[in-house]
């Protein structure tokens, strides 16, 4: 089933409860929380206290996206705060090239990513891994059978409101084709520049969980959510 995960990064924090519940009323079953540390990405967002607050507001799936260095340091606190699913960046793992580039060692990055996935599962949490637009998807293929989700970034992570990168569509297709061989139940999430005018294309390529922030939040978040849900349910 196709699902929408509104990203609270674009919400009005003066009325966060109202904004969250508006998306729930509009039909969104997920709530996406971007945790940024100002190191892995330039921006700083929020952490466990916001996760805890959102968990208390809604019964939606709390979907946490860690855009941080040393993501494993935050797993237990995020799960205790109420995260149902945690996605970490492949690039944040040693050997994955890091926040600002550097030597790439896919073998080491995959081995350490597998350890992180096992840690999440031991905490009773679903595990996702995210890749930046320029990271070769083939590097994470050995991990697909251990994951519940892969998040394809369709913009460079760290800032809201960016335009969807067209080359992301073929990356979604390639990942879905590989997932059919290794893990047909894998969810493919797409984050970055998702709007009502490109959502159908993204779903057709093979995604089944889309993240939208500025296209959902603002005036009439419930109505905007319903507009997305109409496309997802078509």
Foldseek 3Di string as FASTA:
>chain_A
DFAEAEECQQADVVPSLVLLVLLVLLPGQHHEYEAADCFLANDGDDDLVVLLVSQVRDPGAYEYEYSDAPVLVCLVSNVVSPHQAYEYELCNAVQNQTSPGDHHDLVRSQVVVVVSLVVNVVSVHAYEYEYEPPRDPVSCLVVLLSHQEYEYEQHGPDDPDAAGNVVVLVVLLVVCVSCVVRPNNHAYEYEHRDALVCLLSSVVSPHRYYYDYNQQHDPSNSVSSNSNVVSNVD
